[in-house]
Amino acid sequence: MPVVTDHLVLVLGYNLPNIKVNTDFDVSSSDIRQKINEMNTNINNYNAQASGMPNFSRIDNLDYPDKDITVDVDAKVNFGAFKCMLEYYPSAENSFHITAGMLIGQDNFVNLKGTADAEWWQTYMKAIEINDKQLPSEYRVSNLEDVVKFSIDDRTFQFKPNSNGKVDLDVNINKVRPYLGFGFGRPVPKKRVGFQFELGAWFHGKPEIVSDSEVSYD
């Protein structure tokens, strides 16, 4: 909508689209392998000590995959935002313009949903079951529930035992994002069909990773 003859135009709209990306990354399994080896040693000691006792039930060692833990990630980038812009045209005859305004969108600009591979997760849950429910307290391994961790940007996150092998992270930015750009073309063309090109940037503040799975570590 022109607001001052042909020099100033108000633009209201909605920014699209949202983009979905699928990827994966590996989480080191060295900590959990070390814990399982420790647990297997305790199992062997328990079997040797308790084999002659009444109602003895032997506990088998636990095997584990010889690989890192692959995490499948579904990522969504939320470009959707309402926008309010003023376009300034220095010349009424020329389509060059400078644009200033703002976009208002949701704060979780990127959402990541990670799922650990089933083989490792089943092994991990089996290890917790053996440790918590089958081994006597004096043979249990400590901190087994806190070993599946990964780091992003010097912050540490973990897959919690009750999470079904899933973890969610959001990358948050400011909801209100000032915008500045320049380009050519008019949103309301003088002819039947018009084309507009613009190059600009929004200012969204420092991105912050937010997750219920973040833990204090090291």
Protein backbone atom coordinates (compact mmCIF):
# COMPACT_ATOMS: atom_id res chain seq x y z
CA MET A 1 0.00 0.00 0.00
CA PRO A 2 1.55 3.33 -1.07
CA VAL A 3 1.52 5.75 1.87
CA VAL A 4 3.41 8.77 0.48
CA THR A 5 2.82 9.11 -3.26
CA ASP A 6 5.25 6.74 -5.04
CA HIS A 7 8.15 7.08 -2.60
CA LEU A 8 6.99 5.12 0.46
CA VAL A 9 5.18 1.78 0.47
CA LEU A 10 3.85 -0.18 3.47
CA VAL A 11 4.09 -3.96 3.09
CA LEU A 12 2.31 -6.40 5.41
CA GLY A 13 2.57 -10.15 4.96
CA TYR A 14 3.65 -13.53 6.19
CA ASN A 15 7.03 -15.10 5.57
CA LEU A 16 7.26 -18.71 4.34
CA PRO A 17 8.23 -21.54 4.32
CA ASN A 18 9.33 -23.85 7.12
CA ILE A 19 12.10 -26.21 6.04
CA LYS A 20 12.56 -29.79 7.24
CA VAL A 21 15.96 -31.51 7.16
CA ASN A 22 16.90 -35.06 8.13
CA THR A 23 20.44 -35.89 9.21
CA ASP A 24 22.31 -37.95 11.79
CA PHE A 25 25.35 -37.82 14.05
CA ASP A 26 27.29 -40.25 16.22
CA VAL A 27 27.51 -40.19 20.01
CA SER A 28 30.54 -41.88 21.55
CA SER A 29 29.69 -45.19 23.21
CA SER A 30 32.99 -45.45 25.13
CA ASP A 31 31.45 -44.43 28.48
CA ILE A 32 28.57 -46.89 28.30
CA ARG A 33 30.86 -49.68 27.08
CA GLN A 34 33.11 -49.03 30.07
CA LYS A 35 30.13 -49.18 32.43
CA ILE A 36 28.83 -52.41 30.88
CA ASN A 37 32.29 -54.00 31.16
CA GLU A 38 32.36 -52.95 34.82
CA MET A 39 28.90 -54.41 35.30
CA ASN A 40 29.90 -57.69 33.61
CA THR A 41 32.85 -57.97 36.00
CA ASN A 42 30.47 -57.46 38.92
CA ILE A 43 28.12 -60.07 37.45
CA ASN A 44 30.95 -62.59 37.29
CA ASN A 45 31.91 -61.83 40.91
CA TYR A 46 28.30 -62.17 42.03
CA ASN A 47 27.82 -65.49 40.18
CA ALA A 48 31.00 -66.87 41.76
CA GLN A 49 30.09 -65.71 45.26
CA ALA A 50 26.42 -66.65 45.24
CA SER A 51 26.46 -69.87 43.19
CA GLY A 52 26.22 -72.06 46.30
CA MET A 53 23.41 -70.14 47.95
CA PRO A 54 19.80 -71.38 48.00
CA ASN A 55 17.54 -70.06 45.23
CA PHE A 56 20.59 -68.82 43.29
CA SER A 57 19.69 -67.50 39.84
CA ARG A 58 22.62 -66.96 37.49
CA ILE A 59 22.90 -63.61 35.70
CA ASP A 60 24.31 -63.66 32.18
CA ASN A 61 26.82 -61.12 30.92
CA LEU A 62 25.49 -58.43 28.61
CA ASP A 63 26.84 -58.08 25.07
CA TYR A 64 26.84 -54.68 23.38
CA PRO A 65 27.24 -53.35 19.81
CA ASP A 66 30.82 -52.61 18.77
CA LYS A 67 30.08 -49.17 17.36
CA ASP A 68 29.15 -45.65 18.36
CA ILE A 69 25.54 -44.65 18.96
CA THR A 70 23.95 -43.24 15.81
CA VAL A 71 21.35 -40.54 16.43
CA ASP A 72 18.82 -39.83 13.68
CA VAL A 73 17.80 -36.15 13.67
CA ASP A 74 14.67 -34.53 12.27
CA ALA A 75 15.26 -30.78 12.11
CA LYS A 76 12.74 -28.08 11.31
CA VAL A 77 13.74 -24.49 10.53
CA ASN A 78 10.81 -22.18 11.26
CA PHE A 79 10.99 -19.29 8.80
CA GLY A 80 7.31 -18.52 9.26
CA ALA A 81 6.83 -14.98 10.58
CA PHE A 82 4.53 -11.99 10.19
CA LYS A 83 6.27 -9.03 8.60
CA CYS A 84 5.73 -5.30 8.54
CA MET A 85 8.00 -3.34 6.16
CA LEU A 86 8.39 0.17 4.83
CA GLU A 87 9.94 0.44 1.38
CA TYR A 88 11.49 3.77 0.44
CA TYR A 89 11.89 4.59 -3.27
CA PRO A 90 14.25 7.57 -3.74
CA SER A 91 12.99 8.05 -7.30
CA ALA A 92 9.38 7.69 -8.33
CA GLU A 93 10.57 6.52 -11.76
CA ASN A 94 13.14 3.98 -10.52
CA SER A 95 12.34 0.68 -8.81
CA PHE A 96 15.42 0.75 -6.52
CA HIS A 97 14.33 0.81 -2.89
CA ILE A 98 15.55 0.53 0.69
CA THR A 99 13.48 -1.56 3.08
CA ALA A 100 13.29 -1.37 6.87
CA GLY A 101 10.89 -3.08 9.22
CA MET A 102 10.49 -6.14 11.38
CA LEU A 103 9.45 -9.76 11.41
CA ILE A 104 7.55 -11.33 14.30
CA GLY A 105 7.83 -15.10 14.59
CA GLN A 106 8.18 -17.89 17.09
CA ASP A 107 11.26 -17.97 19.27
CA ASN A 108 12.23 -21.59 18.54
CA PHE A 109 13.74 -20.91 15.12
CA VAL A 110 15.17 -24.43 14.85
CA ASN A 111 13.71 -27.56 16.46
CA LEU A 112 15.77 -30.76 16.60
CA LYS A 113 14.32 -34.16 17.48
CA GLY A 114 16.96 -36.85 17.92
CA THR A 115 16.38 -40.61 18.22
CA ALA A 116 19.13 -43.03 19.26
CA ASP A 117 19.44 -46.21 17.20
CA ALA A 118 17.29 -49.05 18.52
CA GLU A 119 20.06 -51.65 18.92
CA TRP A 120 22.11 -49.50 21.28
CA TRP A 121 19.11 -48.17 23.15
CA GLN A 122 17.74 -51.65 23.85
CA THR A 123 21.18 -52.68 25.11
CA TYR A 124 21.34 -49.60 27.34
CA MET A 125 17.91 -50.24 28.85
CA LYS A 126 18.79 -53.91 29.42
CA ALA A 127 21.96 -52.85 31.26
CA ILE A 128 19.92 -50.55 33.53
CA GLU A 129 17.41 -53.34 34.22
CA ILE A 130 20.15 -55.82 35.18
CA ASN A 131 21.95 -53.25 37.29
CA ASP A 132 18.85 -52.00 39.15
CA LYS A 133 16.70 -55.12 39.44
CA GLN A 134 18.92 -58.21 39.31
CA LEU A 135 22.22 -57.30 40.92
CA PRO A 136 22.35 -56.87 44.72
CA SER A 137 23.12 -53.31 45.77
CA GLU A 138 26.76 -54.03 46.64
CA TYR A 139 27.43 -55.21 43.06
CA ARG A 140 25.69 -52.39 41.23
CA VAL A 141 27.51 -49.95 38.93
CA SER A 142 27.11 -46.28 39.86
CA ASN A 143 25.89 -43.55 37.50
CA LEU A 144 24.88 -45.97 34.74
CA GLU A 145 21.87 -43.75 33.98
CA ASP A 146 24.08 -40.77 33.09
CA VAL A 147 26.48 -42.05 30.45
CA VAL A 148 24.83 -41.39 27.06
CA LYS A 149 25.89 -37.78 26.53
CA PHE A 150 26.83 -35.46 23.67
CA SER A 151 28.02 -31.86 23.47
CA ILE A 152 26.96 -28.91 21.31
CA ASP A 153 28.59 -25.49 21.61
CA ASP A 154 30.38 -26.42 24.87
CA ARG A 155 27.10 -27.52 26.47
CA THR A 156 26.27 -31.10 27.36
CA PHE A 157 23.03 -33.00 26.84
CA GLN A 158 22.04 -36.57 27.62
CA PHE A 159 19.59 -39.26 26.63
CA LYS A 160 17.65 -40.01 29.78
CA PRO A 161 16.60 -43.60 30.50
CA ASN A 162 12.88 -42.72 30.54
CA SER A 163 13.04 -40.84 27.21
CA ASN A 164 12.55 -43.87 24.90
CA GLY A 165 15.82 -42.95 23.22
CA LYS A 166 14.68 -39.47 22.22
CA VAL A 167 15.95 -35.97 22.89
CA ASP A 168 14.54 -32.56 21.85
CA LEU A 169 16.50 -29.35 21.44
CA ASP A 170 15.38 -25.89 20.33
CA VAL A 171 17.56 -23.11 18.97
CA ASN A 172 15.83 -19.95 20.20
CA ILE A 173 16.15 -16.45 18.78
CA ASN A 174 14.30 -13.18 19.39
CA LYS A 175 10.63 -13.23 18.40
CA VAL A 176 10.87 -9.63 17.11
CA ARG A 177 13.59 -9.29 14.46
CA PRO A 178 14.44 -5.91 12.94
CA TYR A 179 15.06 -6.08 9.19
CA LEU A 180 17.06 -3.96 6.75
CA GLY A 181 17.51 -4.56 3.04
CA PHE A 182 17.62 -3.09 -0.45
CA GLY A 183 16.48 -4.24 -3.85
CA PHE A 184 14.70 -3.56 -7.13
CA GLY A 185 11.08 -3.87 -8.17
CA ARG A 186 7.76 -2.77 -6.73
CA PRO A 187 5.29 -4.83 -4.70
CA VAL A 188 2.48 -3.01 -6.58
CA PRO A 189 3.71 -2.98 -10.20
CA LYS A 190 2.83 -0.20 -12.60
CA LYS A 191 1.99 -2.84 -15.23
CA ARG A 192 -0.03 -6.04 -14.95
CA VAL A 193 2.93 -8.18 -13.86
CA GLY A 194 5.89 -7.17 -11.74
CA PHE A 195 9.03 -8.75 -10.34
CA GLN A 196 10.77 -7.76 -7.13
CA PHE A 197 14.23 -8.74 -5.88
CA GLU A 198 15.55 -7.85 -2.47
CA LEU A 199 18.64 -8.64 -0.43
CA GLY A 200 18.52 -8.07 3.30
CA ALA A 201 19.12 -9.41 6.78
CA TRP A 202 17.15 -9.74 9.96
CA PHE A 203 18.75 -9.26 13.36
CA HIS A 204 17.66 -12.02 15.71
CA GLY A 205 20.07 -11.73 18.64
CA LYS A 206 22.35 -14.48 19.89
CA PRO A 207 20.89 -17.96 19.29
CA GLU A 208 20.42 -20.03 22.44
CA ILE A 209 20.13 -23.81 22.70
CA VAL A 210 17.30 -24.85 25.03
CA SER A 211 16.52 -28.40 26.11
CA ASP A 212 15.16 -30.30 29.08
CA SER A 213 17.98 -32.78 28.43
CA GLU A 214 20.81 -30.38 29.28
CA VAL A 215 22.95 -31.56 32.18
CA SER A 216 25.84 -30.23 34.24
CA TYR A 217 28.94 -32.13 33.21
CA ASP A 218 32.70 -31.74 33.73
